[in-house]
Amino acid sequence: MTLRRLLLLRHGQTEYNLAGRLQGHLDTKLTERGQEQAAAAAKRLGEDAFDRIISSDLSRAHETALAVAEVAGMPVTVDPRLRETHLGDWQGASVDEVETDDPGAIAAWRADPTWAPPGGESRVHVVARSMPVVDELDAEFADDPDERNVLLVAHGGLIAGLVCGLLDLPQSAWPVIGGMGNTKWAVVARRDDHPRWRLSGYNIGV
């Protein structure tokens, strides 16, 4: 086991973030503020010794990843399995609009990782599609004598779910892992004498 550390970075601010609208798979762009946030994160993280940078294919995450990669002097691999939760009929709507149409639905979604918005996917499904990204890195680095450090650039909902999956938390506990600010990150790590992933930090950053 030589994959020792994963840093999971959320993208910078988008116009939908600013307006309080749900994005899901909508390919929204970074605002000027989001670009500044990405640059600040790049300045902080670009000197880290990452062996791989892997990004969601959605523009907001990919642009954030490219900012870090430019400082780090390395390429970005794109993987659509790191996309945000597909929010189905909710995509483009505000939380208030969803609540008006379906009172209590937002609370049900946040409390139950098996619950999916109409036409969308549950957090359980998101974790099932994203965990293989880490499994494949484990397989790739299995016989590598060096300790590897990987940056994943993605989205708040996906990062929260993936952290729960990596920590092997029971689904009933998943809601305790909350949201994440723009260009904040989580860190999970492990070592030979403690091979399970451990949470080293969450919602941290510049």
C-alpha atoms as a PDB file:
ATOM      1  CA  MET A   1       0.000   0.000   0.000  1.00  0.00           C
ATOM      2  CA  THR A   2       1.780   3.149  -1.157  1.00  0.00           C
ATOM      3  CA  LEU A   3      -1.078   5.603  -1.766  1.00  0.00           C
ATOM      4  CA  ARG A   4      -0.669   7.467   1.510  1.00  0.00           C
ATOM      5  CA  ARG A   5      -2.533  10.744   1.146  1.00  0.00           C
ATOM      6  CA  LEU A   6      -5.469  12.191  -0.751  1.00  0.00           C
ATOM      7  CA  LEU A   7      -6.302  15.875  -0.817  1.00  0.00           C
ATOM      8  CA  LEU A   8      -9.811  16.621  -2.079  1.00  0.00           C
ATOM      9  CA  LEU A   9     -10.225  20.221  -3.263  1.00  0.00           C
ATOM     10  CA  ARG A  10     -13.529  21.911  -4.055  1.00  0.00           C
ATOM     11  CA  HIS A  11     -13.711  24.271  -7.035  1.00  0.00           C
ATOM     12  CA  GLY A  12     -13.857  28.060  -6.843  1.00  0.00           C
ATOM     13  CA  GLN A  13     -16.991  30.173  -6.730  1.00  0.00           C
ATOM     14  CA  THR A  14     -19.409  30.077  -9.679  1.00  0.00           C
ATOM     15  CA  GLU A  15     -22.277  32.365 -10.620  1.00  0.00           C
ATOM     16  CA  TYR A  16     -24.660  29.678  -9.399  1.00  0.00           C
ATOM     17  CA  ASN A  17     -22.887  29.547  -6.030  1.00  0.00           C
ATOM     18  CA  LEU A  18     -23.216  33.317  -5.810  1.00  0.00           C
ATOM     19  CA  ALA A  19     -26.924  33.195  -6.683  1.00  0.00           C
ATOM     20  CA  GLY A  20     -27.664  30.242  -4.386  1.00  0.00           C
ATOM     21  CA  ARG A  21     -28.695  27.929  -7.206  1.00  0.00           C
ATOM     22  CA  LEU A  22     -28.174  24.166  -7.395  1.00  0.00           C
ATOM     23  CA  GLN A  23     -25.699  23.119 -10.064  1.00  0.00           C
ATOM     24  CA  GLY A  24     -25.301  19.352 -10.153  1.00  0.00           C
ATOM     25  CA  HIS A  25     -24.092  18.400 -13.633  1.00  0.00           C
ATOM     26  CA  LEU A  26     -24.711  21.862 -15.108  1.00  0.00           C
ATOM     27  CA  ASP A  27     -21.390  23.068 -16.498  1.00  0.00           C
ATOM     28  CA  THR A  28     -21.170  26.444 -14.784  1.00  0.00           C
ATOM     29  CA  LYS A  29     -18.114  28.700 -14.945  1.00  0.00           C
ATOM     30  CA  LEU A  30     -15.976  30.319 -12.291  1.00  0.00           C
ATOM     31  CA  THR A  31     -16.701  33.935 -11.408  1.00  0.00           C
ATOM     32  CA  GLU A  32     -13.869  36.435 -11.203  1.00  0.00           C
ATOM     33  CA  ARG A  33     -13.871  35.762  -7.466  1.00  0.00           C
ATOM     34  CA  GLY A  34     -13.732  32.027  -8.182  1.00  0.00           C
ATOM     35  CA  GLN A  35     -10.691  32.526 -10.384  1.00  0.00           C
ATOM     36  CA  GLU A  36      -9.023  34.504  -7.590  1.00  0.00           C
ATOM     37  CA  GLN A  37      -9.843  31.708  -5.143  1.00  0.00           C
ATOM     38  CA  ALA A  38      -8.367  29.119  -7.495  1.00  0.00           C
ATOM     39  CA  ALA A  39      -5.191  31.182  -7.832  1.00  0.00           C
ATOM     40  CA  ALA A  40      -4.895  31.497  -4.052  1.00  0.00           C
ATOM     41  CA  ALA A  41      -5.393  27.749  -3.605  1.00  0.00           C
ATOM     42  CA  ALA A  42      -2.806  27.109  -6.306  1.00  0.00           C
ATOM     43  CA  LYS A  43      -0.289  29.301  -4.511  1.00  0.00           C
ATOM     44  CA  ARG A  44      -0.903  27.310  -1.312  1.00  0.00           C
ATOM     45  CA  LEU A  45      -1.055  23.820  -2.828  1.00  0.00           C
ATOM     46  CA  GLY A  46       1.104  24.089  -5.920  1.00  0.00           C
ATOM     47  CA  GLU A  47       4.294  23.476  -3.977  1.00  0.00           C
ATOM     48  CA  ASP A  48       2.926  20.242  -2.501  1.00  0.00           C
ATOM     49  CA  ALA A  49       4.563  17.096  -3.845  1.00  0.00           C
ATOM     50  CA  PHE A  50       1.551  15.648  -5.673  1.00  0.00           C
ATOM     51  CA  ASP A  51       2.127  12.596  -7.819  1.00  0.00           C
ATOM     52  CA  ARG A  52      -1.130  13.037  -9.691  1.00  0.00           C
ATOM     53  CA  ILE A  53      -3.798  15.711 -10.131  1.00  0.00           C
ATOM     54  CA  ILE A  54      -7.197  14.348 -11.170  1.00  0.00           C
ATOM     55  CA  SER A  55     -10.207  16.577 -11.822  1.00  0.00           C
ATOM     56  CA  SER A  56     -13.896  16.329 -12.516  1.00  0.00           C
ATOM     57  CA  ASP A  57     -14.601  17.104 -16.161  1.00  0.00           C
ATOM     58  CA  LEU A  58     -16.951  19.966 -15.261  1.00  0.00           C
ATOM     59  CA  SER A  59     -15.401  23.339 -16.078  1.00  0.00           C
ATOM     60  CA  ARG A  60     -15.521  24.816 -12.579  1.00  0.00           C
ATOM     61  CA  ALA A  61     -13.431  21.976 -11.153  1.00  0.00           C
ATOM     62  CA  HIS A  62     -11.165  21.591 -14.190  1.00  0.00           C
ATOM     63  CA  GLU A  63     -10.297  25.290 -14.250  1.00  0.00           C
ATOM     64  CA  THR A  64      -9.476  25.144 -10.531  1.00  0.00           C
ATOM     65  CA  ALA A  65      -7.306  22.070 -11.088  1.00  0.00           C
ATOM     66  CA  LEU A  66      -5.459  23.746 -13.957  1.00  0.00           C
ATOM     67  CA  ALA A  67      -4.560  26.665 -11.694  1.00  0.00           C
ATOM     68  CA  VAL A  68      -2.906  24.292  -9.208  1.00  0.00           C
ATOM     69  CA  ALA A  69      -1.282  22.262 -11.974  1.00  0.00           C
ATOM     70  CA  GLU A  70       0.290  25.342 -13.531  1.00  0.00           C
ATOM     71  CA  VAL A  71       2.067  26.154 -10.259  1.00  0.00           C
ATOM     72  CA  ALA A  72       2.944  22.496  -9.668  1.00  0.00           C
ATOM     73  CA  GLY A  73       4.271  22.081 -13.208  1.00  0.00           C
ATOM     74  CA  MET A  74       2.308  18.943 -13.948  1.00  0.00           C
ATOM     75  CA  PRO A  75      -0.680  17.848 -16.053  1.00  0.00           C
ATOM     76  CA  VAL A  76      -4.291  17.281 -15.021  1.00  0.00           C
ATOM     77  CA  THR A  77      -6.097  14.008 -15.677  1.00  0.00           C
ATOM     78  CA  VAL A  78      -9.859  14.411 -16.175  1.00  0.00           C
ATOM     79  CA  ASP A  79     -12.292  11.828 -14.803  1.00  0.00           C
ATOM     80  CA  PRO A  80     -16.086  12.308 -15.119  1.00  0.00           C
ATOM     81  CA  ARG A  81     -16.636   9.983 -12.151  1.00  0.00           C
ATOM     82  CA  LEU A  82     -15.628  12.944  -9.974  1.00  0.00           C
ATOM     83  CA  ARG A  83     -18.627  15.004 -11.127  1.00  0.00           C
ATOM     84  CA  GLU A  84     -20.995  16.528  -8.608  1.00  0.00           C
ATOM     85  CA  THR A  85     -24.224  14.755  -7.660  1.00  0.00           C
ATOM     86  CA  HIS A  86     -26.724  14.810 -10.517  1.00  0.00           C
ATOM     87  CA  LEU A  87     -29.633  16.789  -9.077  1.00  0.00           C
ATOM     88  CA  GLY A  88     -32.194  15.910 -11.734  1.00  0.00           C
ATOM     89  CA  ASP A  89     -35.178  18.263 -11.781  1.00  0.00           C
ATOM     90  CA  TRP A  90     -33.565  20.493  -9.162  1.00  0.00           C
ATOM     91  CA  GLN A  91     -30.666  21.596 -11.339  1.00  0.00           C
ATOM     92  CA  GLY A  92     -30.765  25.351 -11.867  1.00  0.00           C
ATOM     93  CA  ALA A  93     -33.309  25.940  -9.096  1.00  0.00           C
ATOM     94  CA  SER A  94     -32.723  27.665  -5.778  1.00  0.00           C
ATOM     95  CA  VAL A  95     -33.274  25.877  -2.465  1.00  0.00           C
ATOM     96  CA  ASP A  96     -36.275  28.146  -1.824  1.00  0.00           C
ATOM     97  CA  GLU A  97     -37.807  27.190  -5.176  1.00  0.00           C
ATOM     98  CA  VAL A  98     -37.377  23.487  -4.422  1.00  0.00           C
ATOM     99  CA  GLU A  99     -38.949  23.974  -0.988  1.00  0.00           C
ATOM    100  CA  THR A 100     -41.903  25.822  -2.499  1.00  0.00           C
ATOM    101  CA  ASP A 101     -42.553  22.999  -4.967  1.00  0.00           C
ATOM    102  CA  ASP A 102     -41.824  20.139  -2.567  1.00  0.00           C
ATOM    103  CA  PRO A 103     -41.765  21.150   1.111  1.00  0.00           C
ATOM    104  CA  GLY A 104     -39.375  19.058   3.179  1.00  0.00           C
ATOM    105  CA  ALA A 105     -37.533  17.577   0.203  1.00  0.00           C
ATOM    106  CA  ILE A 106     -34.255  19.408   0.862  1.00  0.00           C
ATOM    107  CA  ALA A 107     -34.212  18.238   4.479  1.00  0.00           C
ATOM    108  CA  ALA A 108     -34.940  14.650   3.407  1.00  0.00           C
ATOM    109  CA  TRP A 109     -32.128  14.785   0.848  1.00  0.00           C
ATOM    110  CA  ARG A 110     -29.616  16.116   3.371  1.00  0.00           C
ATOM    111  CA  ALA A 111     -30.609  13.601   6.055  1.00  0.00           C
ATOM    112  CA  ASP A 112     -30.757  10.401   4.010  1.00  0.00           C
ATOM    113  CA  PRO A 113     -27.862   9.453   1.681  1.00  0.00           C
ATOM    114  CA  THR A 114     -30.103   6.954  -0.140  1.00  0.00           C
ATOM    115  CA  TRP A 115     -32.613   9.681  -1.097  1.00  0.00           C
ATOM    116  CA  ALA A 116     -32.355  11.119  -4.615  1.00  0.00           C
ATOM    117  CA  PRO A 117     -33.946  14.244  -6.124  1.00  0.00           C
ATOM    118  CA  PRO A 118     -36.459  13.528  -8.906  1.00  0.00           C
ATOM    119  CA  GLY A 119     -34.483  12.386 -11.930  1.00  0.00           C
ATOM    120  CA  GLY A 120     -31.204  12.634 -10.008  1.00  0.00           C
ATOM    121  CA  GLU A 121     -28.874  10.432  -8.012  1.00  0.00           C
ATOM    122  CA  SER A 122     -28.386   9.722  -4.322  1.00  0.00           C
ATOM    123  CA  ARG A 123     -25.192  10.277  -2.388  1.00  0.00           C
ATOM    124  CA  VAL A 124     -24.843   6.490  -2.153  1.00  0.00           C
ATOM    125  CA  HIS A 125     -24.740   6.357  -5.942  1.00  0.00           C
ATOM    126  CA  VAL A 126     -22.206   9.195  -6.083  1.00  0.00           C
ATOM    127  CA  VAL A 127     -19.898   7.323  -3.712  1.00  0.00           C
ATOM    128  CA  ALA A 128     -20.313   4.090  -5.677  1.00  0.00           C
ATOM    129  CA  ARG A 129     -19.186   5.805  -8.905  1.00  0.00           C
ATOM    130  CA  SER A 130     -16.310   7.772  -7.370  1.00  0.00           C
ATOM    131  CA  MET A 131     -14.709   5.192  -5.044  1.00  0.00           C
ATOM    132  CA  PRO A 132     -13.262   3.221  -8.002  1.00  0.00           C
ATOM    133  CA  VAL A 133     -11.108   6.263  -8.828  1.00  0.00           C
ATOM    134  CA  VAL A 134      -9.269   5.690  -5.551  1.00  0.00           C
ATOM    135  CA  ASP A 135      -9.354   1.902  -5.912  1.00  0.00           C
ATOM    136  CA  GLU A 136      -7.633   2.207  -9.287  1.00  0.00           C
ATOM    137  CA  LEU A 137      -4.937   4.454  -7.816  1.00  0.00           C
ATOM    138  CA  ASP A 138      -4.395   1.870  -5.086  1.00  0.00           C
ATOM    139  CA  ALA A 139      -3.947  -0.834  -7.704  1.00  0.00           C
ATOM    140  CA  GLU A 140      -1.621   1.329  -9.790  1.00  0.00           C
ATOM    141  CA  PHE A 141       0.633   2.186  -6.842  1.00  0.00           C
ATOM    142  CA  ALA A 142       0.380  -1.178  -5.066  1.00  0.00           C
ATOM    143  CA  ASP A 143       3.961  -2.250  -5.792  1.00  0.00           C
ATOM    144  CA  ASP A 144       5.470   1.216  -5.797  1.00  0.00           C
ATOM    145  CA  PRO A 145       8.145   1.662  -3.113  1.00  0.00           C
ATOM    146  CA  ASP A 146       7.457   5.398  -2.843  1.00  0.00           C
ATOM    147  CA  GLU A 147       4.641   6.945  -0.818  1.00  0.00           C
ATOM    148  CA  ARG A 148       2.187   8.636  -3.171  1.00  0.00           C
ATOM    149  CA  ASN A 149       0.180  11.814  -2.695  1.00  0.00           C
ATOM    150  CA  VAL A 150      -2.777  12.599  -4.995  1.00  0.00           C
ATOM    151  CA  LEU A 151      -4.937  15.687  -5.470  1.00  0.00           C
ATOM    152  CA  LEU A 152      -8.576  15.221  -6.505  1.00  0.00           C
ATOM    153  CA  VAL A 153     -10.394  18.393  -7.606  1.00  0.00           C
ATOM    154  CA  ALA A 154     -14.152  18.059  -7.484  1.00  0.00           C
ATOM    155  CA  HIS A 155     -17.337  19.330  -5.854  1.00  0.00           C
ATOM    156  CA  GLY A 156     -18.761  19.790  -2.364  1.00  0.00           C
ATOM    157  CA  GLY A 157     -21.329  17.014  -2.438  1.00  0.00           C
ATOM    158  CA  LEU A 158     -19.006  14.517  -4.062  1.00  0.00           C
ATOM    159  CA  ILE A 159     -16.178  15.295  -1.651  1.00  0.00           C
ATOM    160  CA  ALA A 160     -18.432  14.896   1.396  1.00  0.00           C
ATOM    161  CA  GLY A 161     -19.682  11.553   0.095  1.00  0.00           C
ATOM    162  CA  LEU A 162     -16.288  10.271  -0.953  1.00  0.00           C
ATOM    163  CA  VAL A 163     -14.816  11.111   2.450  1.00  0.00           C
ATOM    164  CA  CYS A 164     -17.623   9.104   4.073  1.00  0.00           C
ATOM    165  CA  GLY A 165     -16.928   6.195   1.756  1.00  0.00           C
ATOM    166  CA  LEU A 166     -13.179   6.255   2.332  1.00  0.00           C
ATOM    167  CA  LEU A 167     -13.640   6.387   6.099  1.00  0.00           C
ATOM    168  CA  ASP A 168     -16.116   3.481   5.825  1.00  0.00           C
ATOM    169  CA  LEU A 169     -18.682   5.357   7.883  1.00  0.00           C
ATOM    170  CA  PRO A 170     -22.128   3.771   8.261  1.00  0.00           C
ATOM    171  CA  GLN A 171     -24.639   5.500   6.013  1.00  0.00           C
ATOM    172  CA  SER A 172     -26.564   6.727   9.054  1.00  0.00           C
ATOM    173  CA  ALA A 173     -23.506   8.827   9.949  1.00  0.00           C
ATOM    174  CA  TRP A 174     -22.921  10.374   6.528  1.00  0.00           C
ATOM    175  CA  PRO A 175     -24.916  13.560   7.271  1.00  0.00           C
ATOM    176  CA  VAL A 176     -22.356  14.510   9.958  1.00  0.00           C
ATOM    177  CA  ILE A 177     -19.879  15.313   7.155  1.00  0.00           C
ATOM    178  CA  GLY A 178     -21.138  18.715   6.090  1.00  0.00           C
ATOM    179  CA  GLY A 179     -20.640  21.166   3.295  1.00  0.00           C
ATOM    180  CA  MET A 180     -17.386  22.673   2.108  1.00  0.00           C
ATOM    181  CA  GLY A 181     -16.531  26.225   1.096  1.00  0.00           C
ATOM    182  CA  ASN A 182     -15.220  27.150  -2.323  1.00  0.00           C
ATOM    183  CA  THR A 183     -11.537  26.147  -2.731  1.00  0.00           C
ATOM    184  CA  LYS A 184     -11.528  24.507   0.681  1.00  0.00           C
ATOM    185  CA  TRP A 185     -10.257  20.981   0.969  1.00  0.00           C
ATOM    186  CA  ALA A 186     -10.287  17.734   2.927  1.00  0.00           C
ATOM    187  CA  VAL A 187      -7.310  15.481   3.612  1.00  0.00           C
ATOM    188  CA  VAL A 188      -7.389  11.741   4.282  1.00  0.00           C
ATOM    189  CA  ALA A 189      -4.236   9.748   4.991  1.00  0.00           C
ATOM    190  CA  ARG A 190      -3.057   6.329   6.139  1.00  0.00           C
ATOM    191  CA  ARG A 191       0.099   4.442   7.087  1.00  0.00           C
ATOM    192  CA  ASP A 192       1.353   0.849   7.207  1.00  0.00           C
ATOM    193  CA  ASP A 193       0.541   0.292  10.857  1.00  0.00           C
ATOM    194  CA  HIS A 194      -2.894   1.917  10.485  1.00  0.00           C
ATOM    195  CA  PRO A 195      -4.021   1.013   6.953  1.00  0.00           C
ATOM    196  CA  ARG A 196      -7.530   2.501   7.120  1.00  0.00           C
ATOM    197  CA  TRP A 197      -8.045   6.001   5.823  1.00  0.00           C
ATOM    198  CA  ARG A 198      -8.151   8.624   8.563  1.00  0.00           C
ATOM    199  CA  LEU A 199      -9.510  12.147   8.296  1.00  0.00           C
ATOM    200  CA  SER A 200      -6.634  14.603   8.759  1.00  0.00           C
ATOM    201  CA  GLY A 201      -8.561  17.773   7.965  1.00  0.00           C
ATOM    202  CA  TYR A 202     -11.859  19.007   6.533  1.00  0.00           C
ATOM    203  CA  ASN A 203     -13.049  22.322   5.091  1.00  0.00           C
ATOM    204  CA  ILE A 204      -9.591  23.820   5.478  1.00  0.00           C
ATOM    205  CA  GLY A 205      -7.710  26.203   3.252  1.00  0.00           C
ATOM    206  CA  VAL A 206      -6.978  29.779   2.309  1.00  0.00           C
END
